[in-house]
C-alpha atoms as a PDB file:
ATOM      1  CA  MET A   1     112.290 143.733  84.741  1.00  0.00           C
ATOM      2  CA  ASP A   2     113.301 140.110  85.195  1.00  0.00           C
ATOM      3  CA  LEU A   3     110.504 137.741  86.189  1.00  0.00           C
ATOM      4  CA  PRO A   4     110.913 134.318  87.868  1.00  0.00           C
ATOM      5  CA  ALA A   5     110.724 131.421  85.449  1.00  0.00           C
ATOM      6  CA  THR A   6     107.316 129.739  85.420  1.00  0.00           C
ATOM      7  CA  GLY A   7     108.946 126.337  85.265  1.00  0.00           C
ATOM      8  CA  ALA A   8     110.667 126.834  88.614  1.00  0.00           C
ATOM      9  CA  LEU A   9     107.384 127.580  90.359  1.00  0.00           C
ATOM     10  CA  SER A  10     105.781 124.565  88.709  1.00  0.00           C
ATOM     11  CA  GLY A  11     108.646 122.399  89.851  1.00  0.00           C
ATOM     12  CA  VAL A  12     108.205 123.518  93.439  1.00  0.00           C
ATOM     13  CA  THR A  13     104.488 122.794  93.246  1.00  0.00           C
ATOM     14  CA  ASP A  14     105.030 119.360  91.720  1.00  0.00           C
ATOM     15  CA  SER A  15     107.609 118.551  94.348  1.00  0.00           C
ATOM     16  CA  GLN A  16     105.250 119.537  97.146  1.00  0.00           C
ATOM     17  CA  GLU A  17     102.435 117.502  95.657  1.00  0.00           C
ATOM     18  CA  ALA A  18     104.700 114.481  95.386  1.00  0.00           C
ATOM     19  CA  ARG A  19     105.777 114.964  98.994  1.00  0.00           C
ATOM     20  CA  ASN A  20     102.151 115.224 100.089  1.00  0.00           C
ATOM     21  CA  ARG A  21     101.302 112.007  98.267  1.00  0.00           C
ATOM     22  CA  PHE A  22     104.286 110.271  99.833  1.00  0.00           C
ATOM     23  CA  ASP A  23     103.285 111.413 103.327  1.00  0.00           C
ATOM     24  CA  ARG A  24      99.692 110.321 102.793  1.00  0.00           C
ATOM     25  CA  ASP A  25     100.715 106.896 101.494  1.00  0.00           C
ATOM     26  CA  ARG A  26     103.015 106.442 104.465  1.00  0.00           C
ATOM     27  CA  THR A  27     100.212 107.392 106.854  1.00  0.00           C
ATOM     28  CA  LEU A  28      97.830 104.950 105.167  1.00  0.00           C
ATOM     29  CA  ARG A  29     100.342 102.096 105.324  1.00  0.00           C
ATOM     30  CA  ALA A  30     101.113 102.771 108.972  1.00  0.00           C
ATOM     31  CA  LEU A  31      97.423 102.942 109.886  1.00  0.00           C
ATOM     32  CA  ARG A  32      96.645  99.706 108.073  1.00  0.00           C
ATOM     33  CA  ALA A  33      99.580  97.886 109.697  1.00  0.00           C
ATOM     34  CA  ARG A  34      98.700  99.047 113.223  1.00  0.00           C
ATOM     35  CA  TRP A  35      95.017  98.235 112.707  1.00  0.00           C
ATOM     36  CA  ARG A  36      95.821  94.724 111.505  1.00  0.00           C
ATOM     37  CA  THR A  37      98.195  94.123 114.420  1.00  0.00           C
ATOM     38  CA  ALA A  38      95.611  95.338 116.948  1.00  0.00           C
ATOM     39  CA  SER A  39      92.848  93.268 115.374  1.00  0.00           C
ATOM     40  CA  LEU A  40      94.901  90.077 115.333  1.00  0.00           C
ATOM     41  CA  ALA A  41      96.006  90.679 118.924  1.00  0.00           C
ATOM     42  CA  SER A  42      92.394  91.106 120.021  1.00  0.00           C
ATOM     43  CA  GLY A  43      91.285  87.768 118.598  1.00  0.00           C
ATOM     44  CA  TRP A  44      90.943  87.875 114.806  1.00  0.00           C
ATOM     45  CA  ARG A  45      91.179  84.162 114.109  1.00  0.00           C
ATOM     46  CA  PHE A  46      92.425  83.886 110.517  1.00  0.00           C
ATOM     47  CA  PRO A  47      95.112  86.448 109.570  1.00  0.00           C
ATOM     48  CA  SER A  48      95.011  85.622 105.861  1.00  0.00           C
ATOM     49  CA  ASP A  49      91.415  86.828 105.400  1.00  0.00           C
ATOM     50  CA  TRP A  50      91.706  90.138 107.295  1.00  0.00           C
ATOM     51  CA  GLY A  51      93.002  92.315 104.438  1.00  0.00           C
ATOM     52  CA  LEU A  52      89.989  92.952 102.194  1.00  0.00           C
ATOM     53  CA  PRO A  53      89.868  95.812  99.653  1.00  0.00           C
ATOM     54  CA  GLU A  54      87.301  97.476 101.911  1.00  0.00           C
ATOM     55  CA  VAL A  55      89.986  97.757 104.606  1.00  0.00           C
ATOM     56  CA  ASP A  56      91.976 100.009 102.291  1.00  0.00           C
ATOM     57  CA  ALA A  57      88.837 102.018 101.517  1.00  0.00           C
ATOM     58  CA  VAL A  58      88.302 102.625 105.247  1.00  0.00           C
ATOM     59  CA  CYS A  59      91.921 103.706 105.731  1.00  0.00           C
ATOM     60  CA  ALA A  60      91.656 106.147 102.835  1.00  0.00           C
ATOM     61  CA  ALA A  61      88.354 107.513 104.136  1.00  0.00           C
ATOM     62  CA  VAL A  62      89.489 108.112 107.717  1.00  0.00           C
ATOM     63  CA  VAL A  63      92.729 109.871 106.813  1.00  0.00           C
ATOM     64  CA  ARG A  64      92.024 113.556 106.314  1.00  0.00           C
ATOM     65  CA  GLN A  65      94.661 116.245 105.929  1.00  0.00           C
ATOM     66  CA  GLY A  66      97.386 113.838 106.934  1.00  0.00           C
ATOM     67  CA  LYS A  67      95.804 112.821 110.247  1.00  0.00           C
ATOM     68  CA  PRO A  68      93.587 109.792 110.918  1.00  0.00           C
ATOM     69  CA  ALA A  69      90.077 110.532 112.201  1.00  0.00           C
ATOM     70  CA  VAL A  70      86.616 108.930 112.105  1.00  0.00           C
ATOM     71  CA  GLY A  71      83.366 110.836 111.829  1.00  0.00           C
ATOM     72  CA  SER A  72      82.991 111.957 108.242  1.00  0.00           C
ATOM     73  CA  GLU A  73      80.216 110.729 105.997  1.00  0.00           C
ATOM     74  CA  ALA A  74      82.790 109.107 103.724  1.00  0.00           C
ATOM     75  CA  ALA A  75      84.302 107.205 106.658  1.00  0.00           C
ATOM     76  CA  GLU A  76      80.897 105.948 107.744  1.00  0.00           C
ATOM     77  CA  ARG A  77      80.086 104.761 104.226  1.00  0.00           C
ATOM     78  CA  ALA A  78      83.434 102.952 104.093  1.00  0.00           C
ATOM     79  CA  LEU A  79      82.826 101.275 107.463  1.00  0.00           C
ATOM     80  CA  ALA A  80      79.390 100.112 106.315  1.00  0.00           C
ATOM     81  CA  GLY A  81      81.031  98.671 103.203  1.00  0.00           C
ATOM     82  CA  LEU A  82      83.547  96.848 105.374  1.00  0.00           C
ATOM     83  CA  GLY A  83      80.748  95.464 107.552  1.00  0.00           C
ATOM     84  CA  ARG A  84      79.046  94.049 104.469  1.00  0.00           C
ATOM     85  CA  ALA A  85      82.321  92.626 103.166  1.00  0.00           C
ATOM     86  CA  ARG A  86      83.081  90.953 106.508  1.00  0.00           C
ATOM     87  CA  ALA A  87      79.690  89.244 106.502  1.00  0.00           C
ATOM     88  CA  ALA A  88      80.130  88.103 102.905  1.00  0.00           C
ATOM     89  CA  ALA A  89      83.552  86.653 103.795  1.00  0.00           C
ATOM     90  CA  GLY A  90      82.092  84.675 106.703  1.00  0.00           C
ATOM     91  CA  ALA A  91      83.284  86.747 109.672  1.00  0.00           C
ATOM     92  CA  GLY A  92      80.925  86.706 112.658  1.00  0.00           C
ATOM     93  CA  LEU A  93      79.354  89.836 114.085  1.00  0.00           C
ATOM     94  CA  ALA A  94      81.372  89.740 117.317  1.00  0.00           C
ATOM     95  CA  GLU A  95      84.622  89.404 115.379  1.00  0.00           C
ATOM     96  CA  THR A  96      83.615  92.212 113.004  1.00  0.00           C
ATOM     97  CA  LEU A  97      82.821  94.608 115.856  1.00  0.00           C
ATOM     98  CA  THR A  98      86.045  93.736 117.677  1.00  0.00           C
ATOM     99  CA  ASP A  99      87.905  94.569 114.479  1.00  0.00           C
ATOM    100  CA  LEU A 100      86.080  97.918 114.409  1.00  0.00           C
ATOM    101  CA  ALA A 101      87.083  98.497 118.037  1.00  0.00           C
ATOM    102  CA  ALA A 102      90.709  97.821 117.066  1.00  0.00           C
ATOM    103  CA  LEU A 103      90.512 100.535 114.410  1.00  0.00           C
ATOM    104  CA  HIS A 104      88.934 102.987 116.869  1.00  0.00           C
ATOM    105  CA  ALA A 105      91.622 102.254 119.464  1.00  0.00           C
ATOM    106  CA  VAL A 106      94.396 102.816 116.907  1.00  0.00           C
ATOM    107  CA  LEU A 107      92.874 106.123 115.796  1.00  0.00           C
ATOM    108  CA  ALA A 108      92.412 107.276 119.392  1.00  0.00           C
ATOM    109  CA  ASP A 109      96.010 106.337 120.148  1.00  0.00           C
ATOM    110  CA  SER A 110      97.239 108.270 117.098  1.00  0.00           C
ATOM    111  CA  ALA A 111      95.415 111.378 118.281  1.00  0.00           C
ATOM    112  CA  ASP A 112      96.870 111.223 121.824  1.00  0.00           C
ATOM    113  CA  PRO A 113     100.306 112.902 122.006  1.00  0.00           C
ATOM    114  CA  THR A 114     100.963 111.436 125.462  1.00  0.00           C
ATOM    115  CA  VAL A 115     101.076 107.855 124.140  1.00  0.00           C
ATOM    116  CA  VAL A 116     104.615 106.698 123.447  1.00  0.00           C
ATOM    117  CA  ASP A 117     104.615 102.882 123.311  1.00  0.00           C
ATOM    118  CA  GLY A 118     102.048 102.428 120.528  1.00  0.00           C
ATOM    119  CA  PHE A 119     100.239  99.592 122.367  1.00  0.00           C
ATOM    120  CA  VAL A 120      96.452  99.668 122.060  1.00  0.00           C
ATOM    121  CA  ALA A 121      93.735  97.710 123.853  1.00  0.00           C
ATOM    122  CA  PRO A 122      90.574  97.478 121.710  1.00  0.00           C
ATOM    123  CA  ASP A 123      87.337  97.803 123.677  1.00  0.00           C
ATOM    124  CA  VAL A 124      84.012  97.358 121.890  1.00  0.00           C
ATOM    125  CA  ASP A 125      82.201  99.160 124.714  1.00  0.00           C
ATOM    126  CA  ALA A 126      84.415 102.223 124.191  1.00  0.00           C
ATOM    127  CA  THR A 127      83.644 102.406 120.469  1.00  0.00           C
ATOM    128  CA  PRO A 128      81.098 105.104 119.513  1.00  0.00           C
ATOM    129  CA  ALA A 129      77.581 103.666 119.374  1.00  0.00           C
ATOM    130  CA  ARG A 130      76.921 105.182 115.955  1.00  0.00           C
ATOM    131  CA  LEU A 131      79.873 103.344 114.404  1.00  0.00           C
ATOM    132  CA  LEU A 132      78.859 100.082 116.070  1.00  0.00           C
ATOM    133  CA  ARG A 133      75.288 100.490 114.861  1.00  0.00           C
ATOM    134  CA  LEU A 134      76.050 101.259 111.219  1.00  0.00           C
ATOM    135  CA  THR A 135      78.650  98.473 110.988  1.00  0.00           C
ATOM    136  CA  ALA A 136      76.353  95.929 112.653  1.00  0.00           C
ATOM    137  CA  LEU A 137      73.395  96.865 110.430  1.00  0.00           C
ATOM    138  CA  ALA A 138      75.524  96.572 107.296  1.00  0.00           C
ATOM    139  CA  TRP A 139      76.813  93.185 108.481  1.00  0.00           C
ATOM    140  CA  ALA A 140      73.268  92.008 109.274  1.00  0.00           C
ATOM    141  CA  ASP A 141      71.951  93.071 105.854  1.00  0.00           C
ATOM    142  CA  VAL A 142      74.336  90.694 104.105  1.00  0.00           C
ATOM    143  CA  ALA A 143      74.085  87.902 106.678  1.00  0.00           C
ATOM    144  CA  THR A 144      70.285  87.921 106.476  1.00  0.00           C
ATOM    145  CA  ASP A 145      70.338  88.017 102.694  1.00  0.00           C
ATOM    146  CA  GLN A 146      72.689  85.035 102.640  1.00  0.00           C
ATOM    147  CA  LEU A 147      70.185  83.041 104.685  1.00  0.00           C
ATOM    148  CA  VAL A 148      67.292  83.904 102.395  1.00  0.00           C
ATOM    149  CA  HIS A 149      69.056  83.941  99.016  1.00  0.00           C
ATOM    150  CA  THR A 150      71.943  81.500  99.031  1.00  0.00           C
ATOM    151  CA  GLU A 151      73.882  81.978  95.805  1.00  0.00           C
ATOM    152  CA  VAL A 152      74.998  78.922  93.859  1.00  0.00           C
ATOM    153  CA  THR A 153      77.907  80.738  92.178  1.00  0.00           C
ATOM    154  CA  ASP A 154      80.574  82.977  93.692  1.00  0.00           C
ATOM    155  CA  PRO A 155      80.435  86.238  91.683  1.00  0.00           C
ATOM    156  CA  LEU A 156      84.193  86.862  91.896  1.00  0.00           C
ATOM    157  CA  THR A 157      85.615  83.513  90.818  1.00  0.00           C
ATOM    158  CA  GLY A 158      82.657  82.072  88.944  1.00  0.00           C
ATOM    159  CA  LEU A 159      83.048  78.868  90.967  1.00  0.00           C
ATOM    160  CA  PRO A 160      80.153  77.224  92.808  1.00  0.00           C
ATOM    161  CA  THR A 161      79.925  78.243  96.460  1.00  0.00           C
ATOM    162  CA  ALA A 162      80.415  76.230  99.629  1.00  0.00           C
ATOM    163  CA  ALA A 163      76.616  75.793  99.769  1.00  0.00           C
ATOM    164  CA  TYR A 164      76.789  73.849  96.499  1.00  0.00           C
ATOM    165  CA  LEU A 165      79.657  71.705  97.770  1.00  0.00           C
ATOM    166  CA  ARG A 166      77.692  70.902 100.942  1.00  0.00           C
ATOM    167  CA  THR A 167      74.822  69.682  98.753  1.00  0.00           C
ATOM    168  CA  ARG A 168      77.194  67.649  96.607  1.00  0.00           C
ATOM    169  CA  LEU A 169      78.731  66.076  99.692  1.00  0.00           C
ATOM    170  CA  ALA A 170      75.272  65.121 100.946  1.00  0.00           C
ATOM    171  CA  GLU A 171      74.811  63.106  97.744  1.00  0.00           C
ATOM    172  CA  VAL A 172      78.205  61.459  98.207  1.00  0.00           C
ATOM    173  CA  TYR A 173      77.416  60.462 101.790  1.00  0.00           C
ATOM    174  CA  ARG A 174      73.968  59.120 100.869  1.00  0.00           C
ATOM    175  CA  ARG A 175      75.472  56.939  98.177  1.00  0.00           C
ATOM    176  CA  ALA A 176      78.222  55.736 100.501  1.00  0.00           C
ATOM    177  CA  GLY A 177      75.606  54.868 103.128  1.00  0.00           C
ATOM    178  CA  ARG A 178      73.560  52.885 100.627  1.00  0.00           C
ATOM    179  CA  GLU A 179      76.639  50.925  99.599  1.00  0.00           C
ATOM    180  CA  GLU A 180      77.757  50.546 103.219  1.00  0.00           C
ATOM    181  CA  ARG A 181      81.062  52.231 102.518  1.00  0.00           C
ATOM    182  CA  ALA A 182      82.859  55.207 103.998  1.00  0.00           C
ATOM    183  CA  ALA A 183      82.719  58.315 101.810  1.00  0.00           C
ATOM    184  CA  ALA A 184      86.466  58.741 102.359  1.00  0.00           C
ATOM    185  CA  GLU A 185      87.120  55.498 100.475  1.00  0.00           C
ATOM    186  CA  ASP A 186      85.937  57.040  97.209  1.00  0.00           C
ATOM    187  CA  TYR A 187      86.483  60.801  97.475  1.00  0.00           C
ATOM    188  CA  VAL A 188      88.889  63.361  98.892  1.00  0.00           C
ATOM    189  CA  LEU A 189      88.956  67.142  99.056  1.00  0.00           C
ATOM    190  CA  LEU A 190      91.891  68.838  97.330  1.00  0.00           C
ATOM    191  CA  VAL A 191      92.188  72.273  98.925  1.00  0.00           C
ATOM    192  CA  VAL A 192      94.182  75.296  97.711  1.00  0.00           C
ATOM    193  CA  GLU A 193      94.979  77.886 100.380  1.00  0.00           C
ATOM    194  CA  LEU A 194      96.629  81.196  99.470  1.00  0.00           C
ATOM    195  CA  ASP A 195      98.408  83.467 101.932  1.00  0.00           C
ATOM    196  CA  PHE A 196      97.405  87.038 101.074  1.00  0.00           C
ATOM    197  CA  SER A 197      98.861  88.568 104.248  1.00  0.00           C
ATOM    198  CA  ALA A 198     101.530  90.402 102.207  1.00  0.00           C
ATOM    199  CA  VAL A 199      99.041  91.613  99.571  1.00  0.00           C
ATOM    200  CA  ASP A 200      96.255  94.163  99.870  1.00  0.00           C
ATOM    201  CA  GLY A 201      93.660  95.771  97.644  1.00  0.00           C
ATOM    202  CA  TRP A 202      92.717  94.484  94.223  1.00  0.00           C
ATOM    203  CA  PRO A 203      95.676  92.113  93.701  1.00  0.00           C
ATOM    204  CA  ARG A 204      94.200  89.654  96.206  1.00  0.00           C
ATOM    205  CA  LEU A 205      90.966  89.560  94.183  1.00  0.00           C
ATOM    206  CA  THR A 206      92.980  88.917  91.044  1.00  0.00           C
ATOM    207  CA  GLY A 207      94.785  86.133  92.886  1.00  0.00           C
ATOM    208  CA  MET A 208      91.512  84.370  93.680  1.00  0.00           C
ATOM    209  CA  ILE A 209      90.362  84.676  90.064  1.00  0.00           C
ATOM    210  CA  LEU A 210      93.632  83.125  88.866  1.00  0.00           C
ATOM    211  CA  ALA A 211      93.433  80.323  91.449  1.00  0.00           C
ATOM    212  CA  ALA A 212      89.882  79.538  90.327  1.00  0.00           C
ATOM    213  CA  ASP A 213      91.031  79.421  86.708  1.00  0.00           C
ATOM    214  CA  ALA A 214      93.791  76.975  87.626  1.00  0.00           C
ATOM    215  CA  LEU A 215      91.308  74.766  89.499  1.00  0.00           C
ATOM    216  CA  ARG A 216      88.973  74.620  86.504  1.00  0.00           C
ATOM    217  CA  ALA A 217      91.866  73.886  84.137  1.00  0.00           C
ATOM    218  CA  VAL A 218      93.134  70.908  86.148  1.00  0.00           C
ATOM    219  CA  PHE A 219      89.722  69.509  87.070  1.00  0.00           C
ATOM    220  CA  ASP A 220      87.811  69.769  83.813  1.00  0.00           C
ATOM    221  CA  GLY A 221      86.239  66.319  83.814  1.00  0.00           C
ATOM    222  CA  GLY A 222      83.105  66.926  85.858  1.00  0.00           C
ATOM    223  CA  GLU A 223      84.668  67.084  89.332  1.00  0.00           C
ATOM    224  CA  SER A 224      82.905  69.281  91.892  1.00  0.00           C
ATOM    225  CA  VAL A 225      84.860  72.515  92.407  1.00  0.00           C
ATOM    226  CA  ALA A 226      83.996  75.411  94.714  1.00  0.00           C
ATOM    227  CA  SER A 227      85.133  78.664  96.291  1.00  0.00           C
ATOM    228  CA  LEU A 228      85.175  78.228 100.066  1.00  0.00           C
ATOM    229  CA  GLY A 229      86.293  81.680 101.229  1.00  0.00           C
ATOM    230  CA  PRO A 230      88.344  84.785 100.438  1.00  0.00           C
ATOM    231  CA  SER A 231      91.557  82.750 100.094  1.00  0.00           C
ATOM    232  CA  VAL A 232      90.474  79.113  99.635  1.00  0.00           C
ATOM    233  CA  VAL A 233      89.226  77.043  96.687  1.00  0.00           C
ATOM    234  CA  ALA A 234      88.682  73.295  96.614  1.00  0.00           C
ATOM    235  CA  ALA A 235      87.740  70.317  94.481  1.00  0.00           C
ATOM    236  CA  LEU A 236      85.954  67.105  95.459  1.00  0.00           C
ATOM    237  CA  VAL A 237      87.818  64.458  93.457  1.00  0.00           C
ATOM    238  CA  PRO A 238      87.850  60.659  93.237  1.00  0.00           C
ATOM    239  CA  ARG A 239      90.435  58.886  95.359  1.00  0.00           C
ATOM    240  CA  ASP A 240      92.422  57.038  92.704  1.00  0.00           C
ATOM    241  CA  ASP A 241      95.993  56.506  91.510  1.00  0.00           C
ATOM    242  CA  ARG A 242      96.005  59.927  89.770  1.00  0.00           C
ATOM    243  CA  LEU A 243      95.358  61.875  92.963  1.00  0.00           C
ATOM    244  CA  ALA A 244      99.003  62.725  93.770  1.00  0.00           C
ATOM    245  CA  SER A 245      99.879  63.785  90.225  1.00  0.00           C
ATOM    246  CA  ARG A 246      96.787  65.972  89.957  1.00  0.00           C
ATOM    247  CA  GLY A 247      97.663  67.653  93.244  1.00  0.00           C
ATOM    248  CA  VAL A 248     101.121  68.468  91.848  1.00  0.00           C
ATOM    249  CA  ALA A 249      99.557  69.743  88.610  1.00  0.00           C
ATOM    250  CA  LEU A 250      97.195  71.960  90.577  1.00  0.00           C
ATOM    251  CA  ARG A 251     100.010  73.491  92.637  1.00  0.00           C
ATOM    252  CA  ARG A 252     102.023  74.131  89.466  1.00  0.00           C
ATOM    253  CA  ALA A 253      99.040  75.676  87.652  1.00  0.00           C
ATOM    254  CA  VAL A 254      98.256  78.078  90.503  1.00  0.00           C
ATOM    255  CA  HIS A 255     101.917  79.057  90.920  1.00  0.00           C
ATOM    256  CA  GLU A 256     102.363  79.723  87.201  1.00  0.00           C
ATOM    257  CA  ARG A 257      99.338  82.024  87.097  1.00  0.00           C
ATOM    258  CA  LEU A 258     100.315  83.968  90.205  1.00  0.00           C
ATOM    259  CA  SER A 259     103.934  84.405  89.117  1.00  0.00           C
ATOM    260  CA  VAL A 260     102.982  86.645  86.163  1.00  0.00           C
ATOM    261  CA  ASP A 261     102.059  89.441  88.594  1.00  0.00           C
ATOM    262  CA  ALA A 262     104.851  91.031  90.641  1.00  0.00           C
ATOM    263  CA  GLN A 263     102.638  91.571  93.700  1.00  0.00           C
ATOM    264  CA  LEU A 264     101.019  88.155  93.541  1.00  0.00           C
ATOM    265  CA  ALA A 265     104.412  86.506  93.190  1.00  0.00           C
ATOM    266  CA  GLU A 266     104.973  87.527  96.830  1.00  0.00           C
ATOM    267  CA  VAL A 267     102.211  85.107  97.842  1.00  0.00           C
ATOM    268  CA  GLY A 268     104.724  82.334  97.305  1.00  0.00           C
ATOM    269  CA  SER A 269     103.873  78.692  96.748  1.00  0.00           C
ATOM    270  CA  PRO A 270     100.177  77.918  97.214  1.00  0.00           C
ATOM    271  CA  ARG A 271      99.392  75.348  99.860  1.00  0.00           C
ATOM    272  CA  VAL A 272      97.657  72.364  98.253  1.00  0.00           C
ATOM    273  CA  SER A 273      96.488  69.665 100.650  1.00  0.00           C
ATOM    274  CA  ALA A 274      94.369  66.530 100.496  1.00  0.00           C
ATOM    275  CA  VAL A 275      91.699  66.635 103.196  1.00  0.00           C
ATOM    276  CA  ARG A 276      90.184  63.296 104.182  1.00  0.00           C
ATOM    277  CA  LEU A 277      86.392  63.234 104.409  1.00  0.00           C
ATOM    278  CA  PRO A 278      85.152  62.589 107.964  1.00  0.00           C
ATOM    279  CA  ALA A 279      82.641  59.943 109.001  1.00  0.00           C
ATOM    280  CA  THR A 280      79.426  61.954 108.515  1.00  0.00           C
ATOM    281  CA  HIS A 281      78.045  64.700 106.281  1.00  0.00           C
ATOM    282  CA  GLU A 282      77.554  66.934 109.322  1.00  0.00           C
ATOM    283  CA  LEU A 283      81.230  66.674 110.193  1.00  0.00           C
ATOM    284  CA  ALA A 284      82.145  67.315 106.552  1.00  0.00           C
ATOM    285  CA  CYS A 285      80.149  70.574 106.686  1.00  0.00           C
ATOM    286  CA  ASP A 286      82.125  71.543 109.793  1.00  0.00           C
ATOM    287  CA  VAL A 287      85.330  70.902 107.835  1.00  0.00           C
ATOM    288  CA  LEU A 288      84.145  73.196 105.034  1.00  0.00           C
ATOM    289  CA  ALA A 289      83.253  75.907 107.533  1.00  0.00           C
ATOM    290  CA  GLY A 290      86.744  75.729 109.021  1.00  0.00           C
ATOM    291  CA  LEU A 291      88.418  75.812 105.627  1.00  0.00           C
ATOM    292  CA  SER A 292      86.400  78.858 104.575  1.00  0.00           C
ATOM    293  CA  ARG A 293      88.157  80.920 107.272  1.00  0.00           C
ATOM    294  CA  ALA A 294      91.614  79.390 106.911  1.00  0.00           C
END
């Protein structure tokens, strides 16, 4: 008696598995895109710092059997991880919870067959209390720890943190005051901003590591360098006749490092700008805070 070839059955199975993976990836991409759009529309202030790796972890955790849904233990763990990551990146609690509400609104919209236009209106008050609580507690854990244990070095890039640069600037302003000069006469901030809006997951972390390496390579003579946020690094450098050429060298160094990776090449040319120091140290700290969320 003739029997069906084993290879044919295997081929059917492999084809179905590939199709399932394709459908799941498509669902994940669509969920992430709609979530980002809803979050930005509801007030997320800096688009370039929205897409953290934890966002992808949440998307993967909430998609079960091809349909998005929140409520599993894995989804709650992922949301707590995102809450911690948002705090570490400098996002405020209100902004973090509004982002959570955007995700909840997108998931609720996906589950409603009567919705046809795809428009969602995030509402924090309509988000389940349990999700709000676990996300807020995770955010608070990191925010509180940052107040008590301010790290001097960013663990990802190995660069000093913004806290260090604030301290360094205080020294610069004290010296300028003693000499009755403006701090801006002697120093300037060279800032590198990367647009990671087209990149998600681990590549954006690799991009920051490469940008930090470029910063250290160009400014290797004792200048104060720092990581200011999830997409920004900076150097406090003397204002002299080499400033323009060093800015060009920095842009070239960052671009060369990013171009070796196909995904990071999509980031395009890094934005390198010279930021003038304001009149007081307090205002300079405000500048750093703004740059950290650029």
